[in-house]
């Protein structure tokens, strides 16, 4: 087996595991609620930090002009 074939096989296995996990999460109500809560928490934490960094960068660049 060549490196390229091994990588392709590994990618197929990982994709299959991801699809199976997504199916289980989407078909199990408690896991679906947990996934939605985790997504809300992640977006609630990451989006304001991103916006703050963008504002800070714009402020610094505006001072240079």
PDB file of N, CA and C in Angstrom:
ATOM      1  N   UNK A   1       0.856  -1.177   0.000  1.00  0.00           N
ATOM      2  CA  UNK A   1       0.000   0.000   0.000  1.00  0.00           C
ATOM      3  C   UNK A   1       0.899   1.236   0.000  1.00  0.00           C
ATOM      4  N   UNK A   2       0.615   2.158  -0.894  1.00  0.00           N
ATOM      5  CA  UNK A   2       1.406   3.386  -0.968  1.00  0.00           C
ATOM      6  C   UNK A   2       0.908   4.385   0.067  1.00  0.00           C
ATOM      7  N   UNK A   3       1.687   5.432   0.273  1.00  0.00           N
ATOM      8  CA  UNK A   3       1.276   6.483   1.214  1.00  0.00           C
ATOM      9  C   UNK A   3      -0.035   7.127   0.786  1.00  0.00           C
ATOM     10  N   UNK A   4      -0.177   7.353  -0.510  1.00  0.00           N
ATOM     11  CA  UNK A   4      -1.400   7.996  -0.999  1.00  0.00           C
ATOM     12  C   UNK A   4      -2.620   7.108  -0.758  1.00  0.00           C
ATOM     13  N   UNK A   5      -2.478   5.810  -0.981  1.00  0.00           N
ATOM     14  CA  UNK A   5      -3.590   4.891  -0.730  1.00  0.00           C
ATOM     15  C   UNK A   5      -3.914   4.812   0.760  1.00  0.00           C
ATOM     16  N   UNK A   6      -2.881   4.845   1.597  1.00  0.00           N
ATOM     17  CA  UNK A   6      -3.107   4.812   3.042  1.00  0.00           C
ATOM     18  C   UNK A   6      -3.842   6.063   3.506  1.00  0.00           C
ATOM     19  N   UNK A   7      -3.447   7.199   2.976  1.00  0.00           N
ATOM     20  CA  UNK A   7      -4.142   8.451   3.334  1.00  0.00           C
ATOM     21  C   UNK A   7      -5.589   8.421   2.883  1.00  0.00           C
ATOM     22  N   UNK A   8      -5.829   7.932   1.674  1.00  0.00           N
ATOM     23  CA  UNK A   8      -7.197   7.848   1.167  1.00  0.00           C
ATOM     24  C   UNK A   8      -8.040   6.919   2.031  1.00  0.00           C
ATOM     25  N   UNK A   9      -7.483   5.787   2.405  1.00  0.00           N
ATOM     26  CA  UNK A   9      -8.209   4.846   3.256  1.00  0.00           C
ATOM     27  C   UNK A   9      -8.504   5.471   4.620  1.00  0.00           C
ATOM     28  N   UNK A  10      -7.524   6.152   5.180  1.00  0.00           N
ATOM     29  CA  UNK A  10      -7.731   6.804   6.477  1.00  0.00           C
ATOM     30  C   UNK A  10      -8.795   7.890   6.369  1.00  0.00           C
ATOM     31  N   UNK A  11      -8.787   8.645   5.291  1.00  0.00           N
ATOM     32  CA  UNK A  11      -9.806   9.690   5.105  1.00  0.00           C
ATOM     33  C   UNK A  11     -11.197   9.088   4.979  1.00  0.00           C
ATOM     34  N   UNK A  12     -11.309   7.965   4.282  1.00  0.00           N
ATOM     35  CA  UNK A  12     -12.611   7.304   4.141  1.00  0.00           C
ATOM     36  C   UNK A  12     -13.100   6.812   5.497  1.00  0.00           C
ATOM     37  N   UNK A  13     -12.201   6.228   6.288  1.00  0.00           N
ATOM     38  CA  UNK A  13     -12.583   5.740   7.616  1.00  0.00           C
ATOM     39  C   UNK A  13     -13.029   6.901   8.502  1.00  0.00           C
ATOM     40  N   UNK A  14     -12.259   7.987   8.502  1.00  0.00           N
ATOM     41  CA  UNK A  14     -12.620   9.149   9.331  1.00  0.00           C
ATOM     42  C   UNK A  14     -13.943   9.765   8.890  1.00  0.00           C
ATOM     43  N   UNK A  15     -14.162   9.855   7.578  1.00  0.00           N
ATOM     44  CA  UNK A  15     -15.422  10.409   7.083  1.00  0.00           C
ATOM     45  C   UNK A  15     -16.592   9.522   7.498  1.00  0.00           C
ATOM     46  N   UNK A  16     -16.423   8.213   7.421  1.00  0.00           N
ATOM     47  CA  UNK A  16     -17.483   7.285   7.825  1.00  0.00           C
ATOM     48  C   UNK A  16     -17.799   7.423   9.305  1.00  0.00           C
ATOM     49  N   UNK A  17     -16.771   7.548  10.127  1.00  0.00           N
ATOM     50  CA  UNK A  17     -16.983   7.736  11.564  1.00  0.00           C
ATOM     51  C   UNK A  17     -17.712   9.048  11.832  1.00  0.00           C
ATOM     52  N   UNK A  18     -17.336  10.097  11.116  1.00  0.00           N
ATOM     53  CA  UNK A  18     -18.003  11.390  11.286  1.00  0.00           C
ATOM     54  C   UNK A  18     -19.469  11.337  10.910  1.00  0.00           C
ATOM     55  N   UNK A  19     -19.776  10.673   9.809  1.00  0.00           N
ATOM     56  CA  UNK A  19     -21.172  10.545   9.379  1.00  0.00           C
ATOM     57  C   UNK A  19     -21.962   9.720  10.392  1.00  0.00           C
ATOM     58  N   UNK A  20     -21.372   8.638  10.883  1.00  0.00           N
ATOM     59  CA  UNK A  20     -22.059   7.808  11.880  1.00  0.00           C
ATOM     60  C   UNK A  20     -22.309   8.591  13.164  1.00  0.00           C
ATOM     61  N   UNK A  21     -21.325   9.356  13.605  1.00  0.00           N
ATOM     62  CA  UNK A  21     -21.494  10.157  14.826  1.00  0.00           C
ATOM     63  C   UNK A  21     -22.574  11.219  14.626  1.00  0.00           C
ATOM     64  N   UNK A  22     -22.569  11.866  13.465  1.00  0.00           N
ATOM     65  CA  UNK A  22     -23.595  12.874  13.190  1.00  0.00           C
ATOM     66  C   UNK A  22     -24.989  12.244  13.184  1.00  0.00           C
ATOM     67  N   UNK A  23     -25.105  11.065  12.626  1.00  0.00           N
ATOM     68  CA  UNK A  23     -26.396  10.373  12.610  1.00  0.00           C
ATOM     69  C   UNK A  23     -26.881  10.085  14.029  1.00  0.00           C
ATOM     70  N   UNK A  24     -25.982   9.586  14.861  1.00  0.00           N
ATOM     71  CA  UNK A  24     -26.358   9.263  16.242  1.00  0.00           C
ATOM     72  C   UNK A  24     -26.778  10.524  16.985  1.00  0.00           C
ATOM     73  N   UNK A  25     -26.024  11.608  16.808  1.00  0.00           N
ATOM     74  CA  UNK A  25     -26.348  12.857  17.497  1.00  0.00           C
ATOM     75  C   UNK A  25     -27.688  13.406  17.021  1.00  0.00           C
ATOM     76  N   UNK A  26     -27.922  13.357  15.719  1.00  0.00           N
ATOM     77  CA  UNK A  26     -29.156  13.917  15.183  1.00  0.00           C
ATOM     78  C   UNK A  26     -30.390  13.073  15.511  1.00  0.00           C
ATOM     79  N   UNK A  27     -30.204  11.782  15.718  1.00  0.00           N
ATOM     80  CA  UNK A  27     -31.366  10.932  15.989  1.00  0.00           C
ATOM     81  C   UNK A  27     -31.614  10.692  17.480  1.00  0.00           C
ATOM     82  N   UNK A  28     -30.709  11.156  18.340  1.00  0.00           N
ATOM     83  CA  UNK A  28     -30.887  11.012  19.784  1.00  0.00           C
ATOM     84  C   UNK A  28     -31.203  12.387  20.373  1.00  0.00           C
ATOM     85  N   UNK A  29     -32.438  12.575  20.869  1.00  0.00           N
ATOM     86  CA  UNK A  29     -32.842  13.913  21.317  1.00  0.00           C
ATOM     87  C   UNK A  29     -31.923  14.531  22.378  1.00  0.00           C
ATOM     88  N   UNK A  30     -31.478  13.762  23.350  1.00  0.00           N
ATOM     89  CA  UNK A  30     -30.633  14.344  24.395  1.00  0.00           C
ATOM     90  C   UNK A  30     -29.282  14.776  23.838  1.00  0.00           C
ATOM     91  N   UNK A  31     -28.716  13.989  22.927  1.00  0.00           N
ATOM     92  CA  UNK A  31     -27.445  14.380  22.306  1.00  0.00           C
ATOM     93  C   UNK A  31     -27.629  15.575  21.377  1.00  0.00           C
ATOM     94  N   UNK A  32     -28.785  15.622  20.710  1.00  0.00           N
ATOM     95  CA  UNK A  32     -29.069  16.758  19.827  1.00  0.00           C
ATOM     96  C   UNK A  32     -29.154  18.048  20.642  1.00  0.00           C
ATOM     97  N   UNK A  33     -29.834  17.998  21.802  1.00  0.00           N
ATOM     98  CA  UNK A  33     -29.912  19.184  22.659  1.00  0.00           C
ATOM     99  C   UNK A  33     -28.532  19.586  23.160  1.00  0.00           C
ATOM    100  N   UNK A  34     -27.732  18.590  23.548  1.00  0.00           N
ATOM    101  CA  UNK A  34     -26.373  18.864  24.010  1.00  0.00           C
ATOM    102  C   UNK A  34     -25.540  19.521  22.911  1.00  0.00           C
ATOM    103  N   UNK A  35     -25.649  19.017  21.691  1.00  0.00           N
ATOM    104  CA  UNK A  35     -24.899  19.583  20.569  1.00  0.00           C
ATOM    105  C   UNK A  35     -25.345  21.013  20.278  1.00  0.00           C
ATOM    106  N   UNK A  36     -26.642  21.280  20.363  1.00  0.00           N
ATOM    107  CA  UNK A  36     -27.135  22.637  20.120  1.00  0.00           C
ATOM    108  C   UNK A  36     -26.663  23.592  21.212  1.00  0.00           C
ATOM    109  N   UNK A  37     -26.695  23.141  22.461  1.00  0.00           N
ATOM    110  CA  UNK A  37     -26.201  23.982  23.570  1.00  0.00           C
ATOM    111  C   UNK A  37     -24.714  24.276  23.406  1.00  0.00           C
ATOM    112  N   UNK A  38     -23.949  23.256  23.035  1.00  0.00           N
ATOM    113  CA  UNK A  38     -22.505  23.445  22.847  1.00  0.00           C
ATOM    114  C   UNK A  38     -22.237  24.422  21.704  1.00  0.00           C
ATOM    115  N   UNK A  39     -23.019  24.334  20.647  1.00  0.00           N
ATOM    116  CA  UNK A  39     -22.855  25.260  19.518  1.00  0.00           C
ATOM    117  C   UNK A  39     -23.205  26.681  19.940  1.00  0.00           C
ATOM    118  N   UNK A  40     -24.280  26.834  20.686  1.00  0.00           N
ATOM    119  CA  UNK A  40     -24.660  28.167  21.160  1.00  0.00           C
ATOM    120  C   UNK A  40     -23.579  28.742  22.073  1.00  0.00           C
ATOM    121  N   UNK A  41     -23.035  27.921  22.963  1.00  0.00           N
ATOM    122  CA  UNK A  41     -21.990  28.386  23.878  1.00  0.00           C
ATOM    123  C   UNK A  41     -20.737  28.775  23.100  1.00  0.00           C
ATOM    124  N   UNK A  42     -20.362  27.945  22.118  1.00  0.00           N
ATOM    125  CA  UNK A  42     -19.155  28.211  21.331  1.00  0.00           C
ATOM    126  C   UNK A  42     -19.314  29.507  20.537  1.00  0.00           C
ATOM    127  N   UNK A  43     -20.464  29.687  19.889  1.00  0.00           N
ATOM    128  CA  UNK A  43     -20.685  30.913  19.124  1.00  0.00           C
ATOM    129  C   UNK A  43     -20.788  32.121  20.051  1.00  0.00           C
ATOM    130  N   UNK A  44     -21.400  31.931  21.207  1.00  0.00           N
ATOM    131  CA  UNK A  44     -21.526  33.025  22.159  1.00  0.00           C
ATOM    132  C   UNK A  44     -20.184  33.464  22.716  1.00  0.00           C
ATOM    133  N   UNK A  45     -19.220  32.562  22.739  1.00  0.00           N
ATOM    134  CA  UNK A  45     -17.896  32.906  23.263  1.00  0.00           C
ATOM    135  C   UNK A  45     -16.958  33.378  22.164  1.00  0.00           C
ATOM    136  N   UNK A  46     -17.029  32.784  20.990  1.00  0.00           N
ATOM    137  CA  UNK A  46     -16.027  33.074  19.964  1.00  0.00           C
ATOM    138  C   UNK A  46     -16.349  34.307  19.117  1.00  0.00           C
ATOM    139  N   UNK A  47     -17.604  34.551  18.827  1.00  0.00           N
ATOM    140  CA  UNK A  47     -17.959  35.685  17.967  1.00  0.00           C
ATOM    141  C   UNK A  47     -17.628  37.027  18.635  1.00  0.00           C
ATOM    142  N   UNK A  48     -17.988  37.254  19.901  1.00  0.00           N
ATOM    143  CA  UNK A  48     -17.605  38.527  20.520  1.00  0.00           C
ATOM    144  C   UNK A  48     -16.086  38.721  20.604  1.00  0.00           C
ATOM    145  N   UNK A  49     -15.349  37.655  20.863  1.00  0.00           N
ATOM    146  CA  UNK A  49     -13.883  37.766  20.915  1.00  0.00           C
ATOM    147  C   UNK A  49     -13.338  38.131  19.545  1.00  0.00           C
ATOM    148  N   UNK A  50     -13.854  37.518  18.499  1.00  0.00           N
ATOM    149  CA  UNK A  50     -13.431  37.841  17.141  1.00  0.00           C
ATOM    150  C   UNK A  50     -13.725  39.308  16.818  1.00  0.00           C
ATOM    151  N   UNK A  51     -14.933  39.746  17.135  1.00  0.00           N
ATOM    152  CA  UNK A  51     -15.292  41.138  16.851  1.00  0.00           C
ATOM    153  C   UNK A  51     -14.426  42.116  17.641  1.00  0.00           C
ATOM    154  N   UNK A  52     -14.147  41.796  18.892  1.00  0.00           N
ATOM    155  CA  UNK A  52     -13.282  42.643  19.703  1.00  0.00           C
ATOM    156  C   UNK A  52     -11.884  42.743  19.095  1.00  0.00           C
ATOM    157  N   UNK A  53     -11.350  41.627  18.639  1.00  0.00           N
ATOM    158  CA  UNK A  53     -10.030  41.651  18.006  1.00  0.00           C
ATOM    159  C   UNK A  53     -10.034  42.454  16.719  1.00  0.00           C
ATOM    160  N   UNK A  54     -11.101  42.375  15.945  1.00  0.00           N
ATOM    161  CA  UNK A  54     -11.190  43.150  14.708  1.00  0.00           C
ATOM    162  C   UNK A  54     -11.251  44.646  14.996  1.00  0.00           C
ATOM    163  N   UNK A  55     -12.025  45.021  16.013  1.00  0.00           N
ATOM    164  CA  UNK A  55     -12.127  46.433  16.395  1.00  0.00           C
ATOM    165  C   UNK A  55     -10.771  46.938  16.882  1.00  0.00           C
ATOM    166  N   UNK A  56     -10.090  46.149  17.697  1.00  0.00           N
ATOM    167  CA  UNK A  56      -8.775  46.535  18.206  1.00  0.00           C
ATOM    168  C   UNK A  56      -7.775  46.709  17.058  1.00  0.00           C
ATOM    169  N   UNK A  57      -7.792  45.778  16.105  1.00  0.00           N
ATOM    170  CA  UNK A  57      -6.884  45.869  14.964  1.00  0.00           C
ATOM    171  C   UNK A  57      -7.197  47.105  14.116  1.00  0.00           C
ATOM    172  N   UNK A  58      -8.466  47.387  13.900  1.00  0.00           N
ATOM    173  CA  UNK A  58      -8.852  48.570  13.133  1.00  0.00           C
ATOM    174  C   UNK A  58      -8.420  49.842  13.857  1.00  0.00           C
ATOM    175  N   UNK A  59      -8.546  49.849  15.177  1.00  0.00           N
ATOM    176  CA  UNK A  59      -8.132  51.008  15.974  1.00  0.00           C
ATOM    177  C   UNK A  59      -6.634  51.252  15.822  1.00  0.00           C
ATOM    178  N   UNK A  60      -5.852  50.200  15.910  1.00  0.00           N
ATOM    179  CA  UNK A  60      -4.389  50.324  15.795  1.00  0.00           C
ATOM    180  C   UNK A  60      -4.027  50.793  14.397  1.00  0.00           C
ATOM    181  N   UNK A  61      -4.642  50.240  13.383  1.00  0.00           N
ATOM    182  CA  UNK A  61      -4.315  50.632  12.023  1.00  0.00           C
ATOM    183  C   UNK A  61      -4.772  52.054  11.708  1.00  0.00           C
ATOM    184  N   UNK A  62      -5.849  52.503  12.328  1.00  0.00           N
ATOM    185  CA  UNK A  62      -6.316  53.869  12.075  1.00  0.00           C
ATOM    186  C   UNK A  62      -5.368  54.891  12.704  1.00  0.00           C
ATOM    187  N   UNK A  63      -4.684  54.507  13.776  1.00  0.00           N
ATOM    188  CA  UNK A  63      -3.742  55.413  14.426  1.00  0.00           C
ATOM    189  C   UNK A  63      -2.486  55.604  13.586  1.00  0.00           C
ATOM    190  N   UNK A  64      -2.164  54.625  12.763  1.00  0.00           N
ATOM    191  CA  UNK A  64      -0.980  54.707  11.899  1.00  0.00           C
ATOM    192  C   UNK A  64      -1.174  55.661  10.756  1.00  0.00           C
ATOM    193  N   UNK A  65      -2.402  55.872  10.334  1.00  0.00           N
ATOM    194  CA  UNK A  65      -2.673  56.691   9.140  1.00  0.00           C
ATOM    195  C   UNK A  65      -2.506  58.164   9.395  1.00  0.00           C
TER     196      UNK A  65
END
